[in-house]
Amino acid sequence: MTEQIFLTSYDGQDTLEHKLYAVRKRAANRIAASDMEGKDDFYICSLSTRTITYKGMLTPLQIGSTTRT
């Protein structure tokens, strides 16, 4: 299952970025330490105000055509 969330804040970008990093690390550590079923499949690819992450399945040939050098 994939979940997507959107967050907003009145904090400045640097403050929010720090808080989001802490939340991501805390969530990952708590899940890893739990006895939750499927915990090995838990992954937060990004929780950032500066980075948008798209996780797709590409072949090596497709990667070359999507990147700029």
PDB file of N, CA and C in Angstrom:
ATOM      1  N   MET A   1       0.844  -1.157   0.000  1.00  0.00           N
ATOM      2  CA  MET A   1       0.000   0.000   0.000  1.00  0.00           C
ATOM      3  C   MET A   1       0.904   1.239   0.000  1.00  0.00           C
ATOM      4  N   THR A   2       0.509   2.236  -0.727  1.00  0.00           N
ATOM      5  CA  THR A   2       1.228   3.501  -0.777  1.00  0.00           C
ATOM      6  C   THR A   2       0.318   4.589  -0.235  1.00  0.00           C
ATOM      7  N   GLU A   3       0.865   5.414   0.618  1.00  0.00           N
ATOM      8  CA  GLU A   3       0.125   6.536   1.188  1.00  0.00           C
ATOM      9  C   GLU A   3       0.845   7.813   0.828  1.00  0.00           C
ATOM     10  N   GLN A   4       0.100   8.871   0.586  1.00  0.00           N
ATOM     11  CA  GLN A   4       0.680  10.176   0.304  1.00  0.00           C
ATOM     12  C   GLN A   4       0.033  11.179   1.236  1.00  0.00           C
ATOM     13  N   ILE A   5       0.863  12.025   1.857  1.00  0.00           N
ATOM     14  CA  ILE A   5       0.337  13.040   2.754  1.00  0.00           C
ATOM     15  C   ILE A   5       0.861  14.410   2.350  1.00  0.00           C
ATOM     16  N   PHE A   6       0.108  15.424   2.687  1.00  0.00           N
ATOM     17  CA  PHE A   6       0.518  16.808   2.467  1.00  0.00           C
ATOM     18  C   PHE A   6       0.463  17.518   3.806  1.00  0.00           C
ATOM     19  N   LEU A   7       1.508  18.254   4.130  1.00  0.00           N
ATOM     20  CA  LEU A   7       1.598  18.966   5.396  1.00  0.00           C
ATOM     21  C   LEU A   7       1.776  20.448   5.138  1.00  0.00           C
ATOM     22  N   THR A   8       1.308  21.251   6.080  1.00  0.00           N
ATOM     23  CA  THR A   8       1.498  22.685   5.985  1.00  0.00           C
ATOM     24  C   THR A   8       1.863  23.212   7.368  1.00  0.00           C
ATOM     25  N   SER A   9       2.454  24.390   7.399  1.00  0.00           N
ATOM     26  CA  SER A   9       2.897  24.950   8.671  1.00  0.00           C
ATOM     27  C   SER A   9       3.052  26.458   8.544  1.00  0.00           C
ATOM     28  N   TYR A  10       2.993  27.122   9.671  1.00  0.00           N
ATOM     29  CA  TYR A  10       3.263  28.557   9.720  1.00  0.00           C
ATOM     30  C   TYR A  10       4.726  28.835  10.045  1.00  0.00           C
ATOM     31  N   ASP A  11       5.513  27.771  10.288  1.00  0.00           N
ATOM     32  CA  ASP A  11       6.936  27.923  10.560  1.00  0.00           C
ATOM     33  C   ASP A  11       7.667  28.328   9.280  1.00  0.00           C
ATOM     34  N   GLY A  12       8.839  28.891   9.434  1.00  0.00           N
ATOM     35  CA  GLY A  12       9.692  29.168   8.282  1.00  0.00           C
ATOM     36  C   GLY A  12      10.166  27.868   7.664  1.00  0.00           C
ATOM     37  N   GLN A  13      10.669  27.933   6.447  1.00  0.00           N
ATOM     38  CA  GLN A  13      11.059  26.723   5.729  1.00  0.00           C
ATOM     39  C   GLN A  13      12.152  25.946   6.454  1.00  0.00           C
ATOM     40  N   ASP A  14      13.167  26.619   6.968  1.00  0.00           N
ATOM     41  CA  ASP A  14      14.250  25.909   7.661  1.00  0.00           C
ATOM     42  C   ASP A  14      13.749  25.207   8.913  1.00  0.00           C
ATOM     43  N   THR A  15      12.890  25.872   9.673  1.00  0.00           N
ATOM     44  CA  THR A  15      12.326  25.263  10.889  1.00  0.00           C
ATOM     45  C   THR A  15      11.470  24.062  10.528  1.00  0.00           C
ATOM     46  N   LEU A  16      10.621  24.229   9.522  1.00  0.00           N
ATOM     47  CA  LEU A  16       9.765  23.120   9.101  1.00  0.00           C
ATOM     48  C   LEU A  16      10.597  21.960   8.574  1.00  0.00           C
ATOM     49  N   GLU A  17      11.624  22.249   7.805  1.00  0.00           N
ATOM     50  CA  GLU A  17      12.489  21.195   7.277  1.00  0.00           C
ATOM     51  C   GLU A  17      13.110  20.379   8.409  1.00  0.00           C
ATOM     52  N   HIS A  18      13.561  21.050   9.458  1.00  0.00           N
ATOM     53  CA  HIS A  18      14.136  20.364  10.620  1.00  0.00           C
ATOM     54  C   HIS A  18      13.089  19.493  11.312  1.00  0.00           C
ATOM     55  N   LYS A  19      11.888  20.020  11.485  1.00  0.00           N
ATOM     56  CA  LYS A  19      10.819  19.256  12.131  1.00  0.00           C
ATOM     57  C   LYS A  19      10.433  18.029  11.309  1.00  0.00           C
ATOM     58  N   LEU A  20      10.339  18.190   9.989  1.00  0.00           N
ATOM     59  CA  LEU A  20       9.980  17.072   9.131  1.00  0.00           C
ATOM     60  C   LEU A  20      11.037  15.971   9.162  1.00  0.00           C
ATOM     61  N   TYR A  21      12.303  16.368   9.202  1.00  0.00           N
ATOM     62  CA  TYR A  21      13.385  15.389   9.317  1.00  0.00           C
ATOM     63  C   TYR A  21      13.240  14.595  10.620  1.00  0.00           C
ATOM     64  N   ALA A  22      12.978  15.304  11.713  1.00  0.00           N
ATOM     65  CA  ALA A  22      12.834  14.639  13.013  1.00  0.00           C
ATOM     66  C   ALA A  22      11.634  13.686  13.011  1.00  0.00           C
ATOM     67  N   VAL A  23      10.544  14.106  12.422  1.00  0.00           N
ATOM     68  CA  VAL A  23       9.350  13.254  12.347  1.00  0.00           C
ATOM     69  C   VAL A  23       9.634  12.003  11.525  1.00  0.00           C
ATOM     70  N   ARG A  24      10.304  12.174  10.383  1.00  0.00           N
ATOM     71  CA  ARG A  24      10.630  11.028   9.527  1.00  0.00           C
ATOM     72  C   ARG A  24      11.512  10.027  10.255  1.00  0.00           C
ATOM     73  N   LYS A  25      12.554  10.517  10.939  1.00  0.00           N
ATOM     74  CA  LYS A  25      13.460   9.629  11.674  1.00  0.00           C
ATOM     75  C   LYS A  25      12.741   8.938  12.829  1.00  0.00           C
ATOM     76  N   ARG A  26      11.924   9.690  13.565  1.00  0.00           N
ATOM     77  CA  ARG A  26      11.199   9.111  14.700  1.00  0.00           C
ATOM     78  C   ARG A  26      10.236   8.035  14.233  1.00  0.00           C
ATOM     79  N   ALA A  27       9.494   8.301  13.163  1.00  0.00           N
ATOM     80  CA  ALA A  27       8.543   7.310  12.647  1.00  0.00           C
ATOM     81  C   ALA A  27       9.267   6.047  12.191  1.00  0.00           C
ATOM     82  N   ALA A  28      10.338   6.213  11.423  1.00  0.00           N
ATOM     83  CA  ALA A  28      11.086   5.053  10.934  1.00  0.00           C
ATOM     84  C   ALA A  28      11.652   4.225  12.087  1.00  0.00           C
ATOM     85  N   ASN A  29      12.188   4.879  13.105  1.00  0.00           N
ATOM     86  CA  ASN A  29      12.754   4.162  14.255  1.00  0.00           C
ATOM     87  C   ASN A  29      11.690   3.441  15.067  1.00  0.00           C
ATOM     88  N   ARG A  30      10.557   4.085  15.267  1.00  0.00           N
ATOM     89  CA  ARG A  30       9.481   3.437  16.030  1.00  0.00           C
ATOM     90  C   ARG A  30       8.905   2.234  15.298  1.00  0.00           C
ATOM     91  N   ILE A  31       8.727   2.373  13.997  1.00  0.00           N
ATOM     92  CA  ILE A  31       8.223   1.244  13.215  1.00  0.00           C
ATOM     93  C   ILE A  31       9.232   0.095  13.254  1.00  0.00           C
ATOM     94  N   ALA A  32      10.508   0.398  13.064  1.00  0.00           N
ATOM     95  CA  ALA A  32      11.550  -0.632  13.063  1.00  0.00           C
ATOM     96  C   ALA A  32      11.622  -1.364  14.402  1.00  0.00           C
ATOM     97  N   ALA A  33      11.391  -0.657  15.492  1.00  0.00           N
ATOM     98  CA  ALA A  33      11.480  -1.264  16.822  1.00  0.00           C
ATOM     99  C   ALA A  33      10.191  -1.989  17.230  1.00  0.00           C
ATOM    100  N   SER A  34       9.156  -1.846  16.463  1.00  0.00           N
ATOM    101  CA  SER A  34       7.869  -2.442  16.820  1.00  0.00           C
ATOM    102  C   SER A  34       7.797  -3.901  16.373  1.00  0.00           C
ATOM    103  N   ASP A  35       6.697  -4.552  16.774  1.00  0.00           N
ATOM    104  CA  ASP A  35       6.445  -5.909  16.300  1.00  0.00           C
ATOM    105  C   ASP A  35       5.332  -5.892  15.241  1.00  0.00           C
ATOM    106  N   MET A  36       5.183  -4.754  14.596  1.00  0.00           N
ATOM    107  CA  MET A  36       4.156  -4.561  13.577  1.00  0.00           C
ATOM    108  C   MET A  36       4.393  -5.484  12.382  1.00  0.00           C
ATOM    109  N   GLU A  37       3.329  -6.119  11.934  1.00  0.00           N
ATOM    110  CA  GLU A  37       3.428  -6.956  10.742  1.00  0.00           C
ATOM    111  C   GLU A  37       3.701  -6.067   9.528  1.00  0.00           C
ATOM    112  N   GLY A  38       4.621  -6.466   8.695  1.00  0.00           N
ATOM    113  CA  GLY A  38       4.955  -5.713   7.494  1.00  0.00           C
ATOM    114  C   GLY A  38       5.890  -4.546   7.729  1.00  0.00           C
ATOM    115  N   LYS A  39       6.500  -4.466   8.918  1.00  0.00           N
ATOM    116  CA  LYS A  39       7.366  -3.318   9.228  1.00  0.00           C
ATOM    117  C   LYS A  39       8.575  -3.221   8.310  1.00  0.00           C
ATOM    118  N   ASP A  40       9.002  -4.347   7.745  1.00  0.00           N
ATOM    119  CA  ASP A  40      10.151  -4.316   6.841  1.00  0.00           C
ATOM    120  C   ASP A  40       9.820  -3.648   5.503  1.00  0.00           C
ATOM    121  N   ASP A  41       8.542  -3.474   5.234  1.00  0.00           N
ATOM    122  CA  ASP A  41       8.114  -2.821   4.000  1.00  0.00           C
ATOM    123  C   ASP A  41       7.875  -1.327   4.186  1.00  0.00           C
ATOM    124  N   PHE A  42       8.015  -0.825   5.411  1.00  0.00           N
ATOM    125  CA  PHE A  42       7.767   0.588   5.687  1.00  0.00           C
ATOM    126  C   PHE A  42       8.942   1.433   5.214  1.00  0.00           C
ATOM    127  N   TYR A  43       8.626   2.499   4.471  1.00  0.00           N
ATOM    128  CA  TYR A  43       9.679   3.347   3.948  1.00  0.00           C
ATOM    129  C   TYR A  43       9.099   4.727   3.649  1.00  0.00           C
ATOM    130  N   ILE A  44       9.760   5.763   4.124  1.00  0.00           N
ATOM    131  CA  ILE A  44       9.382   7.132   3.786  1.00  0.00           C
ATOM    132  C   ILE A  44      10.410   7.618   2.775  1.00  0.00           C
ATOM    133  N   CYS A  45       9.991   7.797   1.534  1.00  0.00           N
ATOM    134  CA  CYS A  45      10.968   8.174   0.509  1.00  0.00           C
ATOM    135  C   CYS A  45      11.377   9.636   0.638  1.00  0.00           C
ATOM    136  N   SER A  46      10.503  10.502   1.126  1.00  0.00           N
ATOM    137  CA  SER A  46      10.858  11.908   1.318  1.00  0.00           C
ATOM    138  C   SER A  46       9.828  12.558   2.224  1.00  0.00           C
ATOM    139  N   LEU A  47      10.298  13.423   3.062  1.00  0.00           N
ATOM    140  CA  LEU A  47       9.431  14.266   3.876  1.00  0.00           C
ATOM    141  C   LEU A  47      10.174  15.595   3.959  1.00  0.00           C
ATOM    142  N   SER A  48      10.057  16.379   2.886  1.00  0.00           N
ATOM    143  CA  SER A  48      10.858  17.574   2.747  1.00  0.00           C
ATOM    144  C   SER A  48      10.073  18.671   2.036  1.00  0.00           C
ATOM    145  N   THR A  49      10.374  19.913   2.392  1.00  0.00           N
ATOM    146  CA  THR A  49       9.779  21.047   1.689  1.00  0.00           C
ATOM    147  C   THR A  49      10.581  21.388   0.444  1.00  0.00           C
ATOM    148  N   ARG A  50      11.769  20.825   0.322  1.00  0.00           N
ATOM    149  CA  ARG A  50      12.672  21.188  -0.771  1.00  0.00           C
ATOM    150  C   ARG A  50      12.779  20.124  -1.863  1.00  0.00           C
ATOM    151  N   THR A  51      12.363  18.914  -1.554  1.00  0.00           N
ATOM    152  CA  THR A  51      12.573  17.801  -2.469  1.00  0.00           C
ATOM    153  C   THR A  51      11.262  17.099  -2.776  1.00  0.00           C
ATOM    154  N   ILE A  52      10.999  16.910  -4.046  1.00  0.00           N
ATOM    155  CA  ILE A  52       9.875  16.086  -4.476  1.00  0.00           C
ATOM    156  C   ILE A  52      10.484  14.806  -5.012  1.00  0.00           C
ATOM    157  N   THR A  53      10.052  13.693  -4.474  1.00  0.00           N
ATOM    158  CA  THR A  53      10.612  12.411  -4.870  1.00  0.00           C
ATOM    159  C   THR A  53       9.571  11.622  -5.650  1.00  0.00           C
ATOM    160  N   TYR A  54       9.972  11.168  -6.788  1.00  0.00           N
ATOM    161  CA  TYR A  54       9.132  10.292  -7.593  1.00  0.00           C
ATOM    162  C   TYR A  54       9.836   8.956  -7.660  1.00  0.00           C
ATOM    163  N   LYS A  55       9.170   7.938  -7.178  1.00  0.00           N
ATOM    164  CA  LYS A  55       9.768   6.612  -7.194  1.00  0.00           C
ATOM    165  C   LYS A  55       9.085   5.821  -8.299  1.00  0.00           C
ATOM    166  N   GLY A  56       9.835   5.550  -9.333  1.00  0.00           N
ATOM    167  CA  GLY A  56       9.289   4.814 -10.460  1.00  0.00           C
ATOM    168  C   GLY A  56      10.163   3.636 -10.803  1.00  0.00           C
ATOM    169  N   MET A  57       9.634   2.770 -11.606  1.00  0.00           N
ATOM    170  CA  MET A  57      10.405   1.617 -12.037  1.00  0.00           C
ATOM    171  C   MET A  57      10.888   1.888 -13.452  1.00  0.00           C
ATOM    172  N   LEU A  58      12.191   2.024 -13.616  1.00  0.00           N
ATOM    173  CA  LEU A  58      12.795   2.316 -14.907  1.00  0.00           C
ATOM    174  C   LEU A  58      13.854   1.288 -15.231  1.00  0.00           C
ATOM    175  N   THR A  59      14.039   1.044 -16.497  1.00  0.00           N
ATOM    176  CA  THR A  59      15.142   0.193 -16.934  1.00  0.00           C
ATOM    177  C   THR A  59      16.387   1.066 -17.048  1.00  0.00           C
ATOM    178  N   PRO A  60      17.579   0.485 -17.064  1.00  0.00           N
ATOM    179  CA  PRO A  60      18.800   1.284 -17.209  1.00  0.00           C
ATOM    180  C   PRO A  60      18.787   2.170 -18.460  1.00  0.00           C
ATOM    181  N   LEU A  61      18.209   1.694 -19.552  1.00  0.00           N
ATOM    182  CA  LEU A  61      18.157   2.507 -20.775  1.00  0.00           C
ATOM    183  C   LEU A  61      17.243   3.719 -20.589  1.00  0.00           C
ATOM    184  N   GLN A  62      16.148   3.567 -19.840  1.00  0.00           N
ATOM    185  CA  GLN A  62      15.232   4.678 -19.612  1.00  0.00           C
ATOM    186  C   GLN A  62      15.860   5.737 -18.726  1.00  0.00           C
ATOM    187  N   ILE A  63      16.676   5.346 -17.775  1.00  0.00           N
ATOM    188  CA  ILE A  63      17.306   6.304 -16.867  1.00  0.00           C
ATOM    189  C   ILE A  63      18.182   7.280 -17.649  1.00  0.00           C
ATOM    190  N   GLY A  64      18.942   6.781 -18.601  1.00  0.00           N
ATOM    191  CA  GLY A  64      19.793   7.643 -19.413  1.00  0.00           C
ATOM    192  C   GLY A  64      19.010   8.689 -20.172  1.00  0.00           C
ATOM    193  N   SER A  65      17.801   8.367 -20.587  1.00  0.00           N
ATOM    194  CA  SER A  65      17.018   9.323 -21.372  1.00  0.00           C
ATOM    195  C   SER A  65      16.263  10.325 -20.499  1.00  0.00           C
ATOM    196  N   THR A  66      16.244  10.129 -19.191  1.00  0.00           N
ATOM    197  CA  THR A  66      15.512  11.049 -18.314  1.00  0.00           C
ATOM    198  C   THR A  66      16.418  11.995 -17.545  1.00  0.00           C
ATOM    199  N   THR A  67      17.715  11.790 -17.612  1.00  0.00           N
ATOM    200  CA  THR A  67      18.642  12.652 -16.861  1.00  0.00           C
ATOM    201  C   THR A  67      19.394  13.587 -17.786  1.00  0.00           C
ATOM    202  N   ARG A  68      19.724  14.732 -17.265  1.00  0.00           N
ATOM    203  CA  ARG A  68      20.506  15.704 -18.029  1.00  0.00           C
ATOM    204  C   ARG A  68      21.935  15.669 -17.536  1.00  0.00           C
ATOM    205  N   THR A  69      22.864  15.797 -18.445  1.00  0.00           N
ATOM    206  CA  THR A  69      24.271  15.817 -18.048  1.00  0.00           C
ATOM    207  C   THR A  69      24.896  17.161 -18.353  1.00  0.00           C
TER     208      THR A  69
END
